[in-house]
Amino acid sequence: MGPLTITAIFIIIWWTAFFVVLPLGNQSHREAGIETTDGGDPGAPVKPNLKKKLLTTTYIAAGIWVLVMIIIQFGLIPLPEFPS
């Protein structure tokens, strides 16, 4: 397995984990009782905390990626052979 494939697997895992982590801990303007003006969406989060969520996503994705690489490298789940 080449470096491009390994990187692609990490990116896919990271992106999936990001969508899992993104809604955690959010409070919308409506839930907080804050009136939105100028066409703002009442469902938008008051404090999205994106830096924290990006770091959390990276840690989670790295852990899952290590597990996936161990499974692939040691052949714990047999994968089909594709012609080169």
PDB file of N, CA and C in Angstrom:
ATOM      1  N   MET A   1       0.846  -1.155   0.000  1.00  0.00           N
ATOM      2  CA  MET A   1       0.000   0.000   0.000  1.00  0.00           C
ATOM      3  C   MET A   1       0.905   1.235   0.000  1.00  0.00           C
ATOM      4  N   GLY A   2       0.648   2.121  -0.943  1.00  0.00           N
ATOM      5  CA  GLY A   2       1.492   3.297  -1.089  1.00  0.00           C
ATOM      6  C   GLY A   2       1.100   4.440  -0.167  1.00  0.00           C
ATOM      7  N   PRO A   3       1.953   5.466  -0.111  1.00  0.00           N
ATOM      8  CA  PRO A   3       1.686   6.610   0.768  1.00  0.00           C
ATOM      9  C   PRO A   3       0.424   7.383   0.369  1.00  0.00           C
ATOM     10  N   LEU A   4       0.114   7.421  -0.904  1.00  0.00           N
ATOM     11  CA  LEU A   4      -1.093   8.127  -1.341  1.00  0.00           C
ATOM     12  C   LEU A   4      -2.344   7.419  -0.826  1.00  0.00           C
ATOM     13  N   THR A   5      -2.354   6.101  -0.872  1.00  0.00           N
ATOM     14  CA  THR A   5      -3.488   5.331  -0.364  1.00  0.00           C
ATOM     15  C   THR A   5      -3.629   5.490   1.145  1.00  0.00           C
ATOM     16  N   ILE A   6      -2.511   5.453   1.850  1.00  0.00           N
ATOM     17  CA  ILE A   6      -2.531   5.620   3.305  1.00  0.00           C
ATOM     18  C   ILE A   6      -3.058   7.002   3.676  1.00  0.00           C
ATOM     19  N   THR A   7      -2.625   8.025   2.951  1.00  0.00           N
ATOM     20  CA  THR A   7      -3.097   9.388   3.196  1.00  0.00           C
ATOM     21  C   THR A   7      -4.582   9.516   2.872  1.00  0.00           C
ATOM     22  N   ALA A   8      -5.016   8.914   1.792  1.00  0.00           N
ATOM     23  CA  ALA A   8      -6.435   8.969   1.412  1.00  0.00           C
ATOM     24  C   ALA A   8      -7.310   8.305   2.478  1.00  0.00           C
ATOM     25  N   ILE A   9      -6.850   7.199   3.039  1.00  0.00           N
ATOM     26  CA  ILE A   9      -7.601   6.524   4.101  1.00  0.00           C
ATOM     27  C   ILE A   9      -7.721   7.436   5.317  1.00  0.00           C
ATOM     28  N   PHE A  10      -6.622   8.112   5.683  1.00  0.00           N
ATOM     29  CA  PHE A  10      -6.675   9.034   6.829  1.00  0.00           C
ATOM     30  C   PHE A  10      -7.637  10.187   6.562  1.00  0.00           C
ATOM     31  N   ILE A  11      -7.610  10.749   5.371  1.00  0.00           N
ATOM     32  CA  ILE A  11      -8.488  11.877   5.049  1.00  0.00           C
ATOM     33  C   ILE A  11      -9.956  11.455   5.112  1.00  0.00           C
ATOM     34  N   ILE A  12     -10.272  10.290   4.611  1.00  0.00           N
ATOM     35  CA  ILE A  12     -11.659   9.804   4.648  1.00  0.00           C
ATOM     36  C   ILE A  12     -12.107   9.588   6.096  1.00  0.00           C
ATOM     37  N   ILE A  13     -11.241   9.000   6.911  1.00  0.00           N
ATOM     38  CA  ILE A  13     -11.575   8.779   8.319  1.00  0.00           C
ATOM     39  C   ILE A  13     -11.719  10.121   9.032  1.00  0.00           C
ATOM     40  N   TRP A  14     -10.822  11.075   8.755  1.00  0.00           N
ATOM     41  CA  TRP A  14     -10.870  12.386   9.400  1.00  0.00           C
ATOM     42  C   TRP A  14     -12.171  13.108   9.043  1.00  0.00           C
ATOM     43  N   TRP A  15     -12.523  13.095   7.773  1.00  0.00           N
ATOM     44  CA  TRP A  15     -13.724  13.801   7.318  1.00  0.00           C
ATOM     45  C   TRP A  15     -14.984  13.207   7.951  1.00  0.00           C
ATOM     46  N   THR A  16     -15.041  11.879   8.041  1.00  0.00           N
ATOM     47  CA  THR A  16     -16.184  11.218   8.661  1.00  0.00           C
ATOM     48  C   THR A  16     -16.251  11.559  10.152  1.00  0.00           C
ATOM     49  N   ALA A  17     -15.116  11.519  10.828  1.00  0.00           N
ATOM     50  CA  ALA A  17     -15.079  11.857  12.254  1.00  0.00           C
ATOM     51  C   ALA A  17     -15.456  13.321  12.478  1.00  0.00           C
ATOM     52  N   PHE A  18     -15.074  14.194  11.562  1.00  0.00           N
ATOM     53  CA  PHE A  18     -15.408  15.619  11.686  1.00  0.00           C
ATOM     54  C   PHE A  18     -16.919  15.827  11.712  1.00  0.00           C
ATOM     55  N   PHE A  19     -17.637  15.117  10.844  1.00  0.00           N
ATOM     56  CA  PHE A  19     -19.091  15.261  10.819  1.00  0.00           C
ATOM     57  C   PHE A  19     -19.741  14.646  12.055  1.00  0.00           C
ATOM     58  N   VAL A  20     -19.062  13.731  12.728  1.00  0.00           N
ATOM     59  CA  VAL A  20     -19.579  13.182  13.977  1.00  0.00           C
ATOM     60  C   VAL A  20     -19.343  14.177  15.118  1.00  0.00           C
ATOM     61  N   VAL A  21     -18.176  14.811  15.149  1.00  0.00           N
ATOM     62  CA  VAL A  21     -17.799  15.716  16.234  1.00  0.00           C
ATOM     63  C   VAL A  21     -18.461  17.099  16.087  1.00  0.00           C
ATOM     64  N   LEU A  22     -18.730  17.523  14.885  1.00  0.00           N
ATOM     65  CA  LEU A  22     -19.203  18.892  14.620  1.00  0.00           C
ATOM     66  C   LEU A  22     -20.426  19.304  15.433  1.00  0.00           C
ATOM     67  N   PRO A  23     -21.476  18.504  15.549  1.00  0.00           N
ATOM     68  CA  PRO A  23     -22.649  18.984  16.300  1.00  0.00           C
ATOM     69  C   PRO A  23     -22.531  18.872  17.825  1.00  0.00           C
ATOM     70  N   LEU A  24     -21.488  18.252  18.340  1.00  0.00           N
ATOM     71  CA  LEU A  24     -21.378  18.030  19.783  1.00  0.00           C
ATOM     72  C   LEU A  24     -21.155  19.341  20.540  1.00  0.00           C
ATOM     73  N   GLY A  25     -21.941  19.554  21.573  1.00  0.00           N
ATOM     74  CA  GLY A  25     -21.751  20.711  22.443  1.00  0.00           C
ATOM     75  C   GLY A  25     -22.247  22.033  21.885  1.00  0.00           C
ATOM     76  N   ASN A  26     -23.000  22.014  20.806  1.00  0.00           N
ATOM     77  CA  ASN A  26     -23.496  23.266  20.236  1.00  0.00           C
ATOM     78  C   ASN A  26     -24.780  23.703  20.910  1.00  0.00           C
ATOM     79  N   GLN A  27     -24.928  25.014  21.034  1.00  0.00           N
ATOM     80  CA  GLN A  27     -26.171  25.599  21.510  1.00  0.00           C
ATOM     81  C   GLN A  27     -26.567  26.649  20.482  1.00  0.00           C
ATOM     82  N   SER A  28     -27.760  26.503  19.944  1.00  0.00           N
ATOM     83  CA  SER A  28     -28.217  27.433  18.910  1.00  0.00           C
ATOM     84  C   SER A  28     -28.662  28.747  19.530  1.00  0.00           C
ATOM     85  N   HIS A  29     -28.825  29.760  18.681  1.00  0.00           N
ATOM     86  CA  HIS A  29     -29.321  31.053  19.141  1.00  0.00           C
ATOM     87  C   HIS A  29     -30.713  30.907  19.757  1.00  0.00           C
ATOM     88  N   ARG A  30     -31.537  30.079  19.156  1.00  0.00           N
ATOM     89  CA  ARG A  30     -32.898  29.871  19.673  1.00  0.00           C
ATOM     90  C   ARG A  30     -32.848  29.234  21.059  1.00  0.00           C
ATOM     91  N   GLU A  31     -31.982  28.216  21.242  1.00  0.00           N
ATOM     92  CA  GLU A  31     -31.869  27.558  22.544  1.00  0.00           C
ATOM     93  C   GLU A  31     -31.331  28.510  23.605  1.00  0.00           C
ATOM     94  N   ALA A  32     -30.452  29.424  23.195  1.00  0.00           N
ATOM     95  CA  ALA A  32     -29.862  30.377  24.135  1.00  0.00           C
ATOM     96  C   ALA A  32     -30.784  31.562  24.397  1.00  0.00           C
ATOM     97  N   GLY A  33     -31.857  31.687  23.602  1.00  0.00           N
ATOM     98  CA  GLY A  33     -32.780  32.801  23.778  1.00  0.00           C
ATOM     99  C   GLY A  33     -32.278  34.099  23.186  1.00  0.00           C
ATOM    100  N   ILE A  34     -31.359  34.033  22.233  1.00  0.00           N
ATOM    101  CA  ILE A  34     -30.797  35.215  21.587  1.00  0.00           C
ATOM    102  C   ILE A  34     -31.566  35.481  20.305  1.00  0.00           C
ATOM    103  N   GLU A  35     -32.038  36.702  20.144  1.00  0.00           N
ATOM    104  CA  GLU A  35     -32.787  37.092  18.942  1.00  0.00           C
ATOM    105  C   GLU A  35     -31.804  37.316  17.786  1.00  0.00           C
ATOM    106  N   THR A  36     -32.083  36.701  16.645  1.00  0.00           N
ATOM    107  CA  THR A  36     -31.224  36.892  15.471  1.00  0.00           C
ATOM    108  C   THR A  36     -31.740  38.068  14.650  1.00  0.00           C
ATOM    109  N   THR A  37     -30.807  38.809  14.074  1.00  0.00           N
ATOM    110  CA  THR A  37     -31.159  39.955  13.229  1.00  0.00           C
ATOM    111  C   THR A  37     -30.430  39.841  11.905  1.00  0.00           C
ATOM    112  N   ASP A  38     -30.817  40.667  10.977  1.00  0.00           N
ATOM    113  CA  ASP A  38     -30.164  40.740   9.658  1.00  0.00           C
ATOM    114  C   ASP A  38     -30.173  39.402   8.923  1.00  0.00           C
ATOM    115  N   GLY A  39     -31.239  38.627   9.088  1.00  0.00           N
ATOM    116  CA  GLY A  39     -31.368  37.377   8.358  1.00  0.00           C
ATOM    117  C   GLY A  39     -30.557  36.236   8.908  1.00  0.00           C
ATOM    118  N   GLY A  40     -30.063  36.354  10.135  1.00  0.00           N
ATOM    119  CA  GLY A  40     -29.296  35.272  10.747  1.00  0.00           C
ATOM    120  C   GLY A  40     -30.169  34.059  11.024  1.00  0.00           C
ATOM    121  N   ASP A  41     -29.578  32.900  10.956  1.00  0.00           N
ATOM    122  CA  ASP A  41     -30.319  31.663  11.190  1.00  0.00           C
ATOM    123  C   ASP A  41     -30.417  31.394  12.689  1.00  0.00           C
ATOM    124  N   PRO A  42     -31.632  31.204  13.219  1.00  0.00           N
ATOM    125  CA  PRO A  42     -31.756  30.923  14.653  1.00  0.00           C
ATOM    126  C   PRO A  42     -31.167  29.573  15.050  1.00  0.00           C
ATOM    127  N   GLY A  43     -30.934  28.696  14.094  1.00  0.00           N
ATOM    128  CA  GLY A  43     -30.340  27.394  14.388  1.00  0.00           C
ATOM    129  C   GLY A  43     -28.821  27.403  14.362  1.00  0.00           C
ATOM    130  N   ALA A  44     -28.209  28.532  14.013  1.00  0.00           N
ATOM    131  CA  ALA A  44     -26.749  28.622  13.966  1.00  0.00           C
ATOM    132  C   ALA A  44     -26.185  28.592  15.388  1.00  0.00           C
ATOM    133  N   PRO A  45     -25.039  27.929  15.589  1.00  0.00           N
ATOM    134  CA  PRO A  45     -24.480  27.849  16.938  1.00  0.00           C
ATOM    135  C   PRO A  45     -23.967  29.208  17.427  1.00  0.00           C
ATOM    136  N   VAL A  46     -24.123  29.436  18.734  1.00  0.00           N
ATOM    137  CA  VAL A  46     -23.643  30.673  19.344  1.00  0.00           C
ATOM    138  C   VAL A  46     -22.120  30.672  19.345  1.00  0.00           C
ATOM    139  N   LYS A  47     -21.502  29.600  19.852  1.00  0.00           N
ATOM    140  CA  LYS A  47     -20.042  29.450  19.856  1.00  0.00           C
ATOM    141  C   LYS A  47     -19.720  28.111  19.222  1.00  0.00           C
ATOM    142  N   PRO A  48     -19.265  28.078  17.975  1.00  0.00           N
ATOM    143  CA  PRO A  48     -19.008  26.790  17.323  1.00  0.00           C
ATOM    144  C   PRO A  48     -17.768  26.047  17.825  1.00  0.00           C
ATOM    145  N   ASN A  49     -16.796  26.742  18.448  1.00  0.00           N
ATOM    146  CA  ASN A  49     -15.574  26.105  18.973  1.00  0.00           C
ATOM    147  C   ASN A  49     -14.883  25.237  17.922  1.00  0.00           C
ATOM    148  N   LEU A  50     -14.646  25.778  16.741  1.00  0.00           N
ATOM    149  CA  LEU A  50     -14.092  24.977  15.649  1.00  0.00           C
ATOM    150  C   LEU A  50     -12.664  24.503  15.902  1.00  0.00           C
ATOM    151  N   LYS A  51     -11.827  25.332  16.537  1.00  0.00           N
ATOM    152  CA  LYS A  51     -10.448  24.896  16.810  1.00  0.00           C
ATOM    153  C   LYS A  51     -10.432  23.637  17.674  1.00  0.00           C
ATOM    154  N   LYS A  52     -11.227  23.658  18.718  1.00  0.00           N
ATOM    155  CA  LYS A  52     -11.294  22.507  19.620  1.00  0.00           C
ATOM    156  C   LYS A  52     -11.831  21.281  18.882  1.00  0.00           C
ATOM    157  N   LYS A  53     -12.822  21.487  18.041  1.00  0.00           N
ATOM    158  CA  LYS A  53     -13.416  20.372  17.311  1.00  0.00           C
ATOM    159  C   LYS A  53     -12.463  19.824  16.250  1.00  0.00           C
ATOM    160  N   LEU A  54     -11.659  20.687  15.632  1.00  0.00           N
ATOM    161  CA  LEU A  54     -10.669  20.222  14.658  1.00  0.00           C
ATOM    162  C   LEU A  54      -9.601  19.360  15.344  1.00  0.00           C
ATOM    163  N   LEU A  55      -9.145  19.808  16.520  1.00  0.00           N
ATOM    164  CA  LEU A  55      -8.158  19.015  17.264  1.00  0.00           C
ATOM    165  C   LEU A  55      -8.750  17.684  17.740  1.00  0.00           C
ATOM    166  N   THR A  56      -9.974  17.736  18.254  1.00  0.00           N
ATOM    167  CA  THR A  56     -10.639  16.516  18.702  1.00  0.00           C
ATOM    168  C   THR A  56     -10.808  15.540  17.543  1.00  0.00           C
ATOM    169  N   THR A  57     -11.214  16.063  16.395  1.00  0.00           N
ATOM    170  CA  THR A  57     -11.383  15.228  15.206  1.00  0.00           C
ATOM    171  C   THR A  57     -10.069  14.582  14.808  1.00  0.00           C
ATOM    172  N   THR A  58      -8.984  15.344  14.866  1.00  0.00           N
ATOM    173  CA  THR A  58      -7.677  14.815  14.475  1.00  0.00           C
ATOM    174  C   THR A  58      -7.245  13.692  15.410  1.00  0.00           C
ATOM    175  N   TYR A  59      -7.457  13.857  16.722  1.00  0.00           N
ATOM    176  CA  TYR A  59      -7.091  12.807  17.677  1.00  0.00           C
ATOM    177  C   TYR A  59      -7.919  11.548  17.450  1.00  0.00           C
ATOM    178  N   ILE A  60      -9.214  11.722  17.272  1.00  0.00           N
ATOM    179  CA  ILE A  60     -10.090  10.568  17.049  1.00  0.00           C
ATOM    180  C   ILE A  60      -9.724   9.868  15.743  1.00  0.00           C
ATOM    181  N   ALA A  61      -9.533  10.653  14.677  1.00  0.00           N
ATOM    182  CA  ALA A  61      -9.199  10.074  13.372  1.00  0.00           C
ATOM    183  C   ALA A  61      -7.856   9.348  13.415  1.00  0.00           C
ATOM    184  N   ALA A  62      -6.889   9.903  14.127  1.00  0.00           N
ATOM    185  CA  ALA A  62      -5.579   9.251  14.220  1.00  0.00           C
ATOM    186  C   ALA A  62      -5.697   7.895  14.920  1.00  0.00           C
ATOM    187  N   GLY A  63      -6.491   7.838  15.974  1.00  0.00           N
ATOM    188  CA  GLY A  63      -6.686   6.566  16.674  1.00  0.00           C
ATOM    189  C   GLY A  63      -7.368   5.527  15.805  1.00  0.00           C
ATOM    190  N   ILE A  64      -8.415   5.935  15.119  1.00  0.00           N
ATOM    191  CA  ILE A  64      -9.129   5.012  14.229  1.00  0.00           C
ATOM    192  C   ILE A  64      -8.222   4.598  13.077  1.00  0.00           C
ATOM    193  N   TRP A  65      -7.445   5.539  12.554  1.00  0.00           N
ATOM    194  CA  TRP A  65      -6.544   5.251  11.434  1.00  0.00           C
ATOM    195  C   TRP A  65      -5.493   4.214  11.839  1.00  0.00           C
ATOM    196  N   VAL A  66      -4.953   4.346  13.036  1.00  0.00           N
ATOM    197  CA  VAL A  66      -3.965   3.370  13.515  1.00  0.00           C
ATOM    198  C   VAL A  66      -4.602   1.985  13.587  1.00  0.00           C
ATOM    199  N   LEU A  67      -5.822   1.902  14.112  1.00  0.00           N
ATOM    200  CA  LEU A  67      -6.508   0.612  14.177  1.00  0.00           C
ATOM    201  C   LEU A  67      -6.735   0.025  12.782  1.00  0.00           C
ATOM    202  N   VAL A  68      -7.154   0.858  11.847  1.00  0.00           N
ATOM    203  CA  VAL A  68      -7.391   0.392  10.470  1.00  0.00           C
ATOM    204  C   VAL A  68      -6.083  -0.080   9.839  1.00  0.00           C
ATOM    205  N   MET A  69      -5.003   0.652  10.053  1.00  0.00           N
ATOM    206  CA  MET A  69      -3.711   0.251   9.481  1.00  0.00           C
ATOM    207  C   MET A  69      -3.225  -1.073  10.079  1.00  0.00           C
ATOM    208  N   ILE A  70      -3.442  -1.271  11.380  1.00  0.00           N
ATOM    209  CA  ILE A  70      -3.066  -2.542  12.004  1.00  0.00           C
ATOM    210  C   ILE A  70      -3.877  -3.684  11.405  1.00  0.00           C
ATOM    211  N   ILE A  71      -5.175  -3.458  11.238  1.00  0.00           N
ATOM    212  CA  ILE A  71      -6.043  -4.488  10.647  1.00  0.00           C
ATOM    213  C   ILE A  71      -5.588  -4.830   9.233  1.00  0.00           C
ATOM    214  N   ILE A  72      -5.251  -3.821   8.457  1.00  0.00           N
ATOM    215  CA  ILE A  72      -4.834  -4.056   7.063  1.00  0.00           C
ATOM    216  C   ILE A  72      -3.461  -4.717   7.007  1.00  0.00           C
ATOM    217  N   GLN A  73      -2.481  -4.204   7.767  1.00  0.00           N
ATOM    218  CA  GLN A  73      -1.112  -4.706   7.693  1.00  0.00           C
ATOM    219  C   GLN A  73      -0.979  -6.148   8.192  1.00  0.00           C
ATOM    220  N   PHE A  74      -1.725  -6.504   9.229  1.00  0.00           N
ATOM    221  CA  PHE A  74      -1.629  -7.850   9.776  1.00  0.00           C
ATOM    222  C   PHE A  74      -2.656  -8.796   9.185  1.00  0.00           C
ATOM    223  N   GLY A  75      -3.471  -8.313   8.261  1.00  0.00           N
ATOM    224  CA  GLY A  75      -4.429  -9.162   7.571  1.00  0.00           C
ATOM    225  C   GLY A  75      -5.505  -9.736   8.473  1.00  0.00           C
ATOM    226  N   LEU A  76      -5.919  -8.972   9.479  1.00  0.00           N
ATOM    227  CA  LEU A  76      -6.939  -9.461  10.405  1.00  0.00           C
ATOM    228  C   LEU A  76      -8.297  -9.597   9.701  1.00  0.00           C
ATOM    229  N   ILE A  77      -8.528  -8.776   8.704  1.00  0.00           N
ATOM    230  CA  ILE A  77      -9.708  -8.898   7.854  1.00  0.00           C
ATOM    231  C   ILE A  77      -9.174  -9.103   6.437  1.00  0.00           C
ATOM    232  N   PRO A  78      -9.455 -10.232   5.832  1.00  0.00           N
ATOM    233  CA  PRO A  78      -8.921 -10.476   4.484  1.00  0.00           C
ATOM    234  C   PRO A  78      -9.558  -9.529   3.457  1.00  0.00           C
ATOM    235  N   LEU A  79      -8.702  -8.883   2.691  1.00  0.00           N
ATOM    236  CA  LEU A  79      -9.152  -7.985   1.640  1.00  0.00           C
ATOM    237  C   LEU A  79      -8.935  -8.654   0.287  1.00  0.00           C
ATOM    238  N   PRO A  80      -9.791  -8.374  -0.681  1.00  0.00           N
ATOM    239  CA  PRO A  80      -9.602  -8.993  -2.002  1.00  0.00           C
ATOM    240  C   PRO A  80      -8.358  -8.432  -2.700  1.00  0.00           C
ATOM    241  N   GLU A  81      -7.735  -9.264  -3.476  1.00  0.00           N
ATOM    242  CA  GLU A  81      -6.578  -8.847  -4.269  1.00  0.00           C
ATOM    243  C   GLU A  81      -7.075  -8.238  -5.583  1.00  0.00           C
ATOM    244  N   PHE A  82      -6.626  -7.037  -5.875  1.00  0.00           N
ATOM    245  CA  PHE A  82      -6.990  -6.387  -7.112  1.00  0.00           C
ATOM    246  C   PHE A  82      -5.826  -6.477  -8.088  1.00  0.00           C
ATOM    247  N   PRO A  83      -6.117  -6.674  -9.363  1.00  0.00           N
ATOM    248  CA  PRO A  83      -5.011  -6.740 -10.337  1.00  0.00           C
ATOM    249  C   PRO A  83      -4.304  -5.396 -10.443  1.00  0.00           C
ATOM    250  N   SER A  84      -3.014  -5.441 -10.640  1.00  0.00           N
ATOM    251  CA  SER A  84      -2.200  -4.216 -10.713  1.00  0.00           C
ATOM    252  C   SER A  84      -2.273  -3.587 -12.073  1.00  0.00           C
TER     253      SER A  84
END
